[in-house]
């Protein structure tokens, strides 16, 4: 039985690539597991436990969308040398 050298080289390279991939996967898994070994998941969501100075829970307001026209007017005023942006004392 005569084996073609090209086929033999292809099979050798393929087996080396599979071995290198498996070795890399095992090494990456062990490295990641070791990095996360001392990390634990929090018991509760910290956002729900926030309170103000009086001990009342802080209520979060919903998402507020800004109007594009207001943003563009503010930018245009700042470019032209007008007043500072709202909430930004300069």
PDB file of N, CA and C in Angstrom:
ATOM      1  N   UNK A   1       0.843  -1.170   0.000  1.00  0.00           N
ATOM      2  CA  UNK A   1       0.000   0.000   0.000  1.00  0.00           C
ATOM      3  C   UNK A   1       0.891   1.236   0.000  1.00  0.00           C
ATOM      4  N   UNK A   2       0.713   2.055  -0.996  1.00  0.00           N
ATOM      5  CA  UNK A   2       1.513   3.258  -1.166  1.00  0.00           C
ATOM      6  C   UNK A   2       0.674   4.467  -0.753  1.00  0.00           C
ATOM      7  N   UNK A   3       1.199   5.276   0.185  1.00  0.00           N
ATOM      8  CA  UNK A   3       0.481   6.437   0.689  1.00  0.00           C
ATOM      9  C   UNK A   3       1.030   7.688   0.016  1.00  0.00           C
ATOM     10  N   UNK A   4       0.135   8.503  -0.444  1.00  0.00           N
ATOM     11  CA  UNK A   4       0.517   9.737  -1.100  1.00  0.00           C
ATOM     12  C   UNK A   4       1.112  10.679  -0.044  1.00  0.00           C
ATOM     13  N   UNK A   5       2.296  11.263  -0.261  1.00  0.00           N
ATOM     14  CA  UNK A   5       2.914  12.146   0.736  1.00  0.00           C
ATOM     15  C   UNK A   5       2.097  13.408   1.015  1.00  0.00           C
ATOM     16  N   UNK A   6       1.368  13.888   0.036  1.00  0.00           N
ATOM     17  CA  UNK A   6       0.550  15.073   0.243  1.00  0.00           C
ATOM     18  C   UNK A   6      -0.589  14.777   1.219  1.00  0.00           C
ATOM     19  N   UNK A   7      -1.205  13.624   1.074  1.00  0.00           N
ATOM     20  CA  UNK A   7      -2.284  13.221   1.977  1.00  0.00           C
ATOM     21  C   UNK A   7      -1.732  13.005   3.375  1.00  0.00           C
ATOM     22  N   UNK A   8      -0.577  12.390   3.486  1.00  0.00           N
ATOM     23  CA  UNK A   8       0.038  12.151   4.785  1.00  0.00           C
ATOM     24  C   UNK A   8       0.370  13.471   5.484  1.00  0.00           C
ATOM     25  N   UNK A   9       0.950  14.418   4.755  1.00  0.00           N
ATOM     26  CA  UNK A   9       1.272  15.724   5.328  1.00  0.00           C
ATOM     27  C   UNK A   9       0.004  16.460   5.756  1.00  0.00           C
ATOM     28  N   UNK A  10      -1.055  16.368   4.961  1.00  0.00           N
ATOM     29  CA  UNK A  10      -2.325  17.017   5.294  1.00  0.00           C
ATOM     30  C   UNK A  10      -2.899  16.434   6.582  1.00  0.00           C
ATOM     31  N   UNK A  11      -2.879  15.133   6.717  1.00  0.00           N
ATOM     32  CA  UNK A  11      -3.408  14.491   7.927  1.00  0.00           C
ATOM     33  C   UNK A  11      -2.573  14.829   9.161  1.00  0.00           C
ATOM     34  N   UNK A  12      -1.262  14.905   8.993  1.00  0.00           N
ATOM     35  CA  UNK A  12      -0.392  15.272  10.124  1.00  0.00           C
ATOM     36  C   UNK A  12      -0.679  16.702  10.563  1.00  0.00           C
ATOM     37  N   UNK A  13      -0.764  17.623   9.600  1.00  0.00           N
ATOM     38  CA  UNK A  13      -1.049  19.018   9.938  1.00  0.00           C
ATOM     39  C   UNK A  13      -2.445  19.179  10.554  1.00  0.00           C
ATOM     40  N   UNK A  14      -3.410  18.440  10.037  1.00  0.00           N
ATOM     41  CA  UNK A  14      -4.760  18.505  10.578  1.00  0.00           C
ATOM     42  C   UNK A  14      -4.796  18.011  12.015  1.00  0.00           C
ATOM     43  N   UNK A  15      -4.105  16.916  12.289  1.00  0.00           N
ATOM     44  CA  UNK A  15      -4.081  16.399  13.664  1.00  0.00           C
ATOM     45  C   UNK A  15      -3.337  17.348  14.601  1.00  0.00           C
ATOM     46  N   UNK A  16      -2.283  17.997  14.123  1.00  0.00           N
ATOM     47  CA  UNK A  16      -1.585  18.987  14.947  1.00  0.00           C
ATOM     48  C   UNK A  16      -2.479  20.190  15.254  1.00  0.00           C
ATOM     49  N   UNK A  17      -3.252  20.635  14.278  1.00  0.00           N
ATOM     50  CA  UNK A  17      -4.154  21.764  14.512  1.00  0.00           C
ATOM     51  C   UNK A  17      -5.264  21.405  15.494  1.00  0.00           C
ATOM     52  N   UNK A  18      -5.804  20.202  15.400  1.00  0.00           N
ATOM     53  CA  UNK A  18      -6.836  19.766  16.341  1.00  0.00           C
ATOM     54  C   UNK A  18      -6.252  19.678  17.744  1.00  0.00           C
ATOM     55  N   UNK A  19      -5.039  19.138  17.854  1.00  0.00           N
ATOM     56  CA  UNK A  19      -4.390  19.048  19.163  1.00  0.00           C
ATOM     57  C   UNK A  19      -4.096  20.420  19.752  1.00  0.00           C
ATOM     58  N   UNK A  20      -3.630  21.348  18.918  1.00  0.00           N
ATOM     59  CA  UNK A  20      -3.349  22.699  19.400  1.00  0.00           C
ATOM     60  C   UNK A  20      -4.630  23.401  19.829  1.00  0.00           C
ATOM     61  N   UNK A  21      -5.718  23.205  19.107  1.00  0.00           N
ATOM     62  CA  UNK A  21      -7.000  23.811  19.475  1.00  0.00           C
ATOM     63  C   UNK A  21      -7.523  23.258  20.788  1.00  0.00           C
ATOM     64  N   UNK A  22      -7.426  21.954  20.984  1.00  0.00           N
ATOM     65  CA  UNK A  22      -7.889  21.349  22.237  1.00  0.00           C
ATOM     66  C   UNK A  22      -7.029  21.809  23.409  1.00  0.00           C
ATOM     67  N   UNK A  23      -5.732  21.878  23.199  1.00  0.00           N
ATOM     68  CA  UNK A  23      -4.834  22.352  24.265  1.00  0.00           C
ATOM     69  C   UNK A  23      -5.140  23.801  24.622  1.00  0.00           C
ATOM     70  N   UNK A  24      -5.360  24.641  23.632  1.00  0.00           N
ATOM     71  CA  UNK A  24      -5.684  26.038  23.869  1.00  0.00           C
ATOM     72  C   UNK A  24      -7.016  26.180  24.598  1.00  0.00           C
ATOM     73  N   UNK A  25      -7.997  25.366  24.247  1.00  0.00           N
ATOM     74  CA  UNK A  25      -9.306  25.431  24.906  1.00  0.00           C
ATOM     75  C   UNK A  25      -9.202  25.035  26.374  1.00  0.00           C
ATOM     76  N   UNK A  26      -8.485  23.971  26.663  1.00  0.00           N
ATOM     77  CA  UNK A  26      -8.327  23.533  28.052  1.00  0.00           C
ATOM     78  C   UNK A  26      -7.561  24.580  28.853  1.00  0.00           C
ATOM     79  N   UNK A  27      -6.513  25.115  28.292  1.00  0.00           N
ATOM     80  CA  UNK A  27      -5.713  26.125  28.991  1.00  0.00           C
ATOM     81  C   UNK A  27      -6.535  27.392  29.256  1.00  0.00           C
ATOM     82  N   UNK A  28      -7.323  27.846  28.264  1.00  0.00           N
ATOM     83  CA  UNK A  28      -8.170  29.027  28.438  1.00  0.00           C
ATOM     84  C   UNK A  28      -9.249  28.808  29.482  1.00  0.00           C
ATOM     85  N   UNK A  29      -9.838  27.622  29.500  1.00  0.00           N
ATOM     86  CA  UNK A  29     -10.865  27.309  30.502  1.00  0.00           C
ATOM     87  C   UNK A  29     -10.264  27.341  31.907  1.00  0.00           C
ATOM     88  N   UNK A  30      -9.116  26.727  32.077  1.00  0.00           N
ATOM     89  CA  UNK A  30      -8.477  26.714  33.399  1.00  0.00           C
ATOM     90  C   UNK A  30      -8.057  28.108  33.826  1.00  0.00           C
ATOM     91  N   UNK A  31      -7.552  28.900  32.904  1.00  0.00           N
ATOM     92  CA  UNK A  31      -7.137  30.263  33.212  1.00  0.00           C
ATOM     93  C   UNK A  31      -8.340  31.117  33.630  1.00  0.00           C
ATOM     94  N   UNK A  32      -9.439  31.026  32.894  1.00  0.00           N
ATOM     95  CA  UNK A  32     -10.643  31.780  33.227  1.00  0.00           C
ATOM     96  C   UNK A  32     -11.271  31.326  34.527  1.00  0.00           C
ATOM     97  N   UNK A  33     -11.281  30.034  34.755  1.00  0.00           N
ATOM     98  CA  UNK A  33     -11.852  29.514  36.006  1.00  0.00           C
ATOM     99  C   UNK A  33     -11.024  29.952  37.205  1.00  0.00           C
ATOM    100  N   UNK A  34      -9.710  29.965  37.058  1.00  0.00           N
ATOM    101  CA  UNK A  34      -8.843  30.423  38.140  1.00  0.00           C
ATOM    102  C   UNK A  34      -9.005  31.915  38.410  1.00  0.00           C
ATOM    103  N   UNK A  35      -9.239  32.699  37.351  1.00  0.00           N
ATOM    104  CA  UNK A  35      -9.405  34.137  37.518  1.00  0.00           C
ATOM    105  C   UNK A  35     -10.699  34.465  38.248  1.00  0.00           C
ATOM    106  N   UNK A  36     -11.736  33.660  38.057  1.00  0.00           N
ATOM    107  CA  UNK A  36     -13.038  33.926  38.668  1.00  0.00           C
ATOM    108  C   UNK A  36     -13.276  33.115  39.931  1.00  0.00           C
ATOM    109  N   UNK A  37     -12.265  32.476  40.460  1.00  0.00           N
ATOM    110  CA  UNK A  37     -12.453  31.577  41.583  1.00  0.00           C
ATOM    111  C   UNK A  37     -12.939  32.300  42.841  1.00  0.00           C
ATOM    112  N   UNK A  38     -12.462  33.488  43.133  1.00  0.00           N
ATOM    113  CA  UNK A  38     -12.862  34.193  44.351  1.00  0.00           C
ATOM    114  C   UNK A  38     -14.057  35.108  44.164  1.00  0.00           C
ATOM    115  N   UNK A  39     -14.640  35.158  42.982  1.00  0.00           N
ATOM    116  CA  UNK A  39     -15.739  36.064  42.682  1.00  0.00           C
ATOM    117  C   UNK A  39     -17.056  35.355  42.965  1.00  0.00           C
ATOM    118  N   UNK A  40     -17.956  36.056  43.673  1.00  0.00           N
ATOM    119  CA  UNK A  40     -19.282  35.495  43.930  1.00  0.00           C
ATOM    120  C   UNK A  40     -20.333  36.459  43.406  1.00  0.00           C
ATOM    121  N   UNK A  41     -21.502  35.940  43.137  1.00  0.00           N
ATOM    122  CA  UNK A  41     -22.604  36.741  42.648  1.00  0.00           C
ATOM    123  C   UNK A  41     -23.238  37.484  43.820  1.00  0.00           C
ATOM    124  N   UNK A  42     -23.631  38.750  43.645  1.00  0.00           N
ATOM    125  CA  UNK A  42     -24.258  39.470  44.753  1.00  0.00           C
ATOM    126  C   UNK A  42     -25.580  38.830  45.151  1.00  0.00           C
ATOM    127  N   UNK A  43     -25.929  38.975  46.443  1.00  0.00           N
ATOM    128  CA  UNK A  43     -27.160  38.370  46.945  1.00  0.00           C
ATOM    129  C   UNK A  43     -28.399  39.103  46.456  1.00  0.00           C
ATOM    130  N   UNK A  44     -28.319  40.423  46.305  1.00  0.00           N
ATOM    131  CA  UNK A  44     -29.469  41.209  45.873  1.00  0.00           C
ATOM    132  C   UNK A  44     -28.992  42.284  44.909  1.00  0.00           C
ATOM    133  N   UNK A  45     -29.935  42.881  44.243  1.00  0.00           N
ATOM    134  CA  UNK A  45     -29.591  43.978  43.337  1.00  0.00           C
ATOM    135  C   UNK A  45     -29.300  45.215  44.167  1.00  0.00           C
ATOM    136  N   UNK A  46     -28.131  45.805  44.063  1.00  0.00           N
ATOM    137  CA  UNK A  46     -27.793  46.959  44.877  1.00  0.00           C
ATOM    138  C   UNK A  46     -28.630  48.200  44.548  1.00  0.00           C
ATOM    139  N   UNK A  47     -29.202  48.279  43.366  1.00  0.00           N
ATOM    140  CA  UNK A  47     -29.996  49.437  42.985  1.00  0.00           C
ATOM    141  C   UNK A  47     -31.266  49.511  43.831  1.00  0.00           C
ATOM    142  N   UNK A  48     -31.823  48.368  44.209  1.00  0.00           N
ATOM    143  CA  UNK A  48     -33.060  48.362  44.987  1.00  0.00           C
ATOM    144  C   UNK A  48     -32.834  48.751  46.445  1.00  0.00           C
ATOM    145  N   UNK A  49     -31.611  48.746  46.918  1.00  0.00           N
ATOM    146  CA  UNK A  49     -31.331  49.008  48.322  1.00  0.00           C
ATOM    147  C   UNK A  49     -30.913  50.450  48.593  1.00  0.00           C
ATOM    148  N   UNK A  50     -30.959  51.336  47.615  1.00  0.00           N
ATOM    149  CA  UNK A  50     -30.518  52.705  47.808  1.00  0.00           C
ATOM    150  C   UNK A  50     -31.557  53.495  48.599  1.00  0.00           C
ATOM    151  N   UNK A  51     -31.078  54.376  49.480  1.00  0.00           N
ATOM    152  CA  UNK A  51     -31.973  55.231  50.263  1.00  0.00           C
ATOM    153  C   UNK A  51     -31.324  56.606  50.406  1.00  0.00           C
ATOM    154  N   UNK A  52     -32.164  57.622  50.624  1.00  0.00           N
ATOM    155  CA  UNK A  52     -31.626  58.963  50.813  1.00  0.00           C
ATOM    156  C   UNK A  52     -31.283  59.190  52.282  1.00  0.00           C
ATOM    157  N   UNK A  53     -31.026  60.460  52.662  1.00  0.00           N
ATOM    158  CA  UNK A  53     -30.593  60.767  54.023  1.00  0.00           C
ATOM    159  C   UNK A  53     -31.649  60.430  55.080  1.00  0.00           C
ATOM    160  N   UNK A  54     -32.942  60.538  54.725  1.00  0.00           N
ATOM    161  CA  UNK A  54     -34.005  60.250  55.672  1.00  0.00           C
ATOM    162  C   UNK A  54     -34.344  58.767  55.737  1.00  0.00           C
ATOM    163  N   UNK A  55     -33.717  57.942  54.944  1.00  0.00           N
ATOM    164  CA  UNK A  55     -33.978  56.515  54.941  1.00  0.00           C
ATOM    165  C   UNK A  55     -35.069  56.096  53.979  1.00  0.00           C
ATOM    166  N   UNK A  56     -35.608  57.055  53.224  1.00  0.00           N
ATOM    167  CA  UNK A  56     -36.648  56.725  52.256  1.00  0.00           C
ATOM    168  C   UNK A  56     -35.993  56.126  51.015  1.00  0.00           C
ATOM    169  N   UNK A  57     -36.608  55.133  50.425  1.00  0.00           N
ATOM    170  CA  UNK A  57     -36.017  54.570  49.195  1.00  0.00           C
ATOM    171  C   UNK A  57     -36.037  55.586  48.068  1.00  0.00           C
ATOM    172  N   UNK A  58     -34.971  55.602  47.310  1.00  0.00           N
ATOM    173  CA  UNK A  58     -34.861  56.517  46.175  1.00  0.00           C
ATOM    174  C   UNK A  58     -35.650  55.933  45.013  1.00  0.00           C
ATOM    175  N   UNK A  59     -36.541  56.745  44.488  1.00  0.00           N
ATOM    176  CA  UNK A  59     -37.313  56.288  43.332  1.00  0.00           C
ATOM    177  C   UNK A  59     -36.667  56.838  42.076  1.00  0.00           C
ATOM    178  N   UNK A  60     -36.456  55.995  41.171  1.00  0.00           N
ATOM    179  CA  UNK A  60     -35.863  56.401  39.900  1.00  0.00           C
ATOM    180  C   UNK A  60     -36.975  56.837  38.956  1.00  0.00           C
ATOM    181  N   UNK A  61     -36.751  57.956  38.305  1.00  0.00           N
ATOM    182  CA  UNK A  61     -37.707  58.427  37.316  1.00  0.00           C
ATOM    183  C   UNK A  61     -37.474  57.669  36.017  1.00  0.00           C
ATOM    184  N   UNK A  62     -38.470  57.686  35.172  1.00  0.00           N
ATOM    185  CA  UNK A  62     -38.352  57.027  33.888  1.00  0.00           C
ATOM    186  C   UNK A  62     -37.371  57.744  32.987  1.00  0.00           C
ATOM    187  N   UNK A  63     -37.087  57.178  31.879  1.00  0.00           N
ATOM    188  CA  UNK A  63     -36.159  57.749  30.916  1.00  0.00           C
ATOM    189  C   UNK A  63     -36.780  58.999  30.290  1.00  0.00           C
ATOM    190  N   UNK A  64     -36.049  60.088  30.298  1.00  0.00           N
ATOM    191  CA  UNK A  64     -36.531  61.346  29.733  1.00  0.00           C
ATOM    192  C   UNK A  64     -35.823  61.589  28.410  1.00  0.00           C
ATOM    193  N   UNK A  65     -36.619  61.758  27.371  1.00  0.00           N
ATOM    194  CA  UNK A  65     -36.060  62.031  26.056  1.00  0.00           C
ATOM    195  C   UNK A  65     -35.987  63.533  25.854  1.00  0.00           C
ATOM    196  N   UNK A  66     -34.905  64.001  25.277  1.00  0.00           N
ATOM    197  CA  UNK A  66     -34.723  65.411  24.982  1.00  0.00           C
ATOM    198  C   UNK A  66     -35.195  65.691  23.562  1.00  0.00           C
ATOM    199  N   UNK A  67     -35.711  66.906  23.367  1.00  0.00           N
ATOM    200  CA  UNK A  67     -36.157  67.282  22.030  1.00  0.00           C
ATOM    201  C   UNK A  67     -34.951  67.721  21.203  1.00  0.00           C
ATOM    202  N   UNK A  68     -34.906  67.255  19.984  1.00  0.00           N
ATOM    203  CA  UNK A  68     -33.776  67.553  19.113  1.00  0.00           C
ATOM    204  C   UNK A  68     -33.666  69.049  18.838  1.00  0.00           C
ATOM    205  N   UNK A  69     -34.805  69.720  18.696  1.00  0.00           N
ATOM    206  CA  UNK A  69     -34.775  71.156  18.424  1.00  0.00           C
ATOM    207  C   UNK A  69     -34.138  71.919  19.584  1.00  0.00           C
ATOM    208  N   UNK A  70     -34.431  71.520  20.826  1.00  0.00           N
ATOM    209  CA  UNK A  70     -33.829  72.183  21.988  1.00  0.00           C
ATOM    210  C   UNK A  70     -32.318  71.968  22.028  1.00  0.00           C
ATOM    211  N   UNK A  71     -31.889  70.756  21.700  1.00  0.00           N
ATOM    212  CA  UNK A  71     -30.452  70.454  21.702  1.00  0.00           C
ATOM    213  C   UNK A  71     -29.741  71.284  20.640  1.00  0.00           C
ATOM    214  N   UNK A  72     -30.319  71.334  19.443  1.00  0.00           N
ATOM    215  CA  UNK A  72     -29.691  72.088  18.357  1.00  0.00           C
ATOM    216  C   UNK A  72     -29.664  73.584  18.657  1.00  0.00           C
ATOM    217  N   UNK A  73     -30.715  74.099  19.290  1.00  0.00           N
ATOM    218  CA  UNK A  73     -30.733  75.518  19.647  1.00  0.00           C
ATOM    219  C   UNK A  73     -29.659  75.811  20.688  1.00  0.00           C
ATOM    220  N   UNK A  74     -29.476  74.934  21.657  1.00  0.00           N
ATOM    221  CA  UNK A  74     -28.433  75.125  22.661  1.00  0.00           C
ATOM    222  C   UNK A  74     -27.044  75.072  22.061  1.00  0.00           C
ATOM    223  N   UNK A  75     -26.829  74.162  21.161  1.00  0.00           N
ATOM    224  CA  UNK A  75     -25.521  74.052  20.505  1.00  0.00           C
ATOM    225  C   UNK A  75     -25.241  75.274  19.657  1.00  0.00           C
ATOM    226  N   UNK A  76     -26.260  75.723  18.928  1.00  0.00           N
ATOM    227  CA  UNK A  76     -26.076  76.906  18.087  1.00  0.00           C
ATOM    228  C   UNK A  76     -25.762  78.134  18.943  1.00  0.00           C
ATOM    229  N   UNK A  77     -26.426  78.255  20.103  1.00  0.00           N
ATOM    230  CA  UNK A  77     -26.161  79.380  20.998  1.00  0.00           C
ATOM    231  C   UNK A  77     -24.739  79.315  21.553  1.00  0.00           C
ATOM    232  N   UNK A  78     -24.259  78.136  21.875  1.00  0.00           N
ATOM    233  CA  UNK A  78     -22.891  78.000  22.389  1.00  0.00           C
ATOM    234  C   UNK A  78     -21.859  78.287  21.314  1.00  0.00           C
ATOM    235  N   UNK A  79     -22.144  77.899  20.071  1.00  0.00           N
ATOM    236  CA  UNK A  79     -21.202  78.152  18.979  1.00  0.00           C
ATOM    237  C   UNK A  79     -21.100  79.643  18.701  1.00  0.00           C
ATOM    238  N   UNK A  80     -22.227  80.314  18.758  1.00  0.00           N
ATOM    239  CA  UNK A  80     -22.240  81.744  18.472  1.00  0.00           C
ATOM    240  C   UNK A  80     -21.742  82.584  19.643  1.00  0.00           C
ATOM    241  N   UNK A  81     -21.338  81.945  20.728  1.00  0.00           N
ATOM    242  CA  UNK A  81     -20.777  82.673  21.851  1.00  0.00           C
ATOM    243  C   UNK A  81     -21.812  83.128  22.858  1.00  0.00           C
ATOM    244  N   UNK A  82     -22.952  82.494  22.835  1.00  0.00           N
ATOM    245  CA  UNK A  82     -24.014  82.859  23.757  1.00  0.00           C
ATOM    246  C   UNK A  82     -23.747  82.297  25.141  1.00  0.00           C
ATOM    247  N   UNK A  83     -24.794  82.068  25.878  1.00  0.00           N
ATOM    248  CA  UNK A  83     -24.680  81.600  27.259  1.00  0.00           C
ATOM    249  C   UNK A  83     -24.182  80.161  27.298  1.00  0.00           C
ATOM    250  N   UNK A  84     -23.755  79.752  28.491  1.00  0.00           N
ATOM    251  CA  UNK A  84     -23.273  78.380  28.681  1.00  0.00           C
ATOM    252  C   UNK A  84     -24.446  77.414  28.630  1.00  0.00           C
ATOM    253  N   UNK A  85     -24.130  76.161  28.506  1.00  0.00           N
ATOM    254  CA  UNK A  85     -25.159  75.133  28.465  1.00  0.00           C
ATOM    255  C   UNK A  85     -25.895  75.083  29.788  1.00  0.00           C
ATOM    256  N   UNK A  86     -27.178  74.716  29.799  1.00  0.00           N
ATOM    257  CA  UNK A  86     -27.919  74.613  31.047  1.00  0.00           C
ATOM    258  C   UNK A  86     -27.265  73.588  31.967  1.00  0.00           C
ATOM    259  N   UNK A  87     -27.116  73.951  33.222  1.00  0.00           N
ATOM    260  CA  UNK A  87     -26.507  73.057  34.191  1.00  0.00           C
ATOM    261  C   UNK A  87     -24.996  73.069  34.155  1.00  0.00           C
ATOM    262  N   UNK A  88     -24.404  73.897  33.312  1.00  0.00           N
ATOM    263  CA  UNK A  88     -22.958  73.978  33.193  1.00  0.00           C
ATOM    264  C   UNK A  88     -22.522  75.416  33.429  1.00  0.00           C
ATOM    265  N   UNK A  89     -22.323  75.837  34.695  1.00  0.00           N
ATOM    266  CA  UNK A  89     -21.970  77.234  34.958  1.00  0.00           C
ATOM    267  C   UNK A  89     -20.557  77.548  34.502  1.00  0.00           C
ATOM    268  N   UNK A  90     -20.440  78.504  33.611  1.00  0.00           N
ATOM    269  CA  UNK A  90     -19.119  78.941  33.141  1.00  0.00           C
ATOM    270  C   UNK A  90     -18.995  80.428  33.269  1.00  0.00           C
TER     271      UNK A  90
END
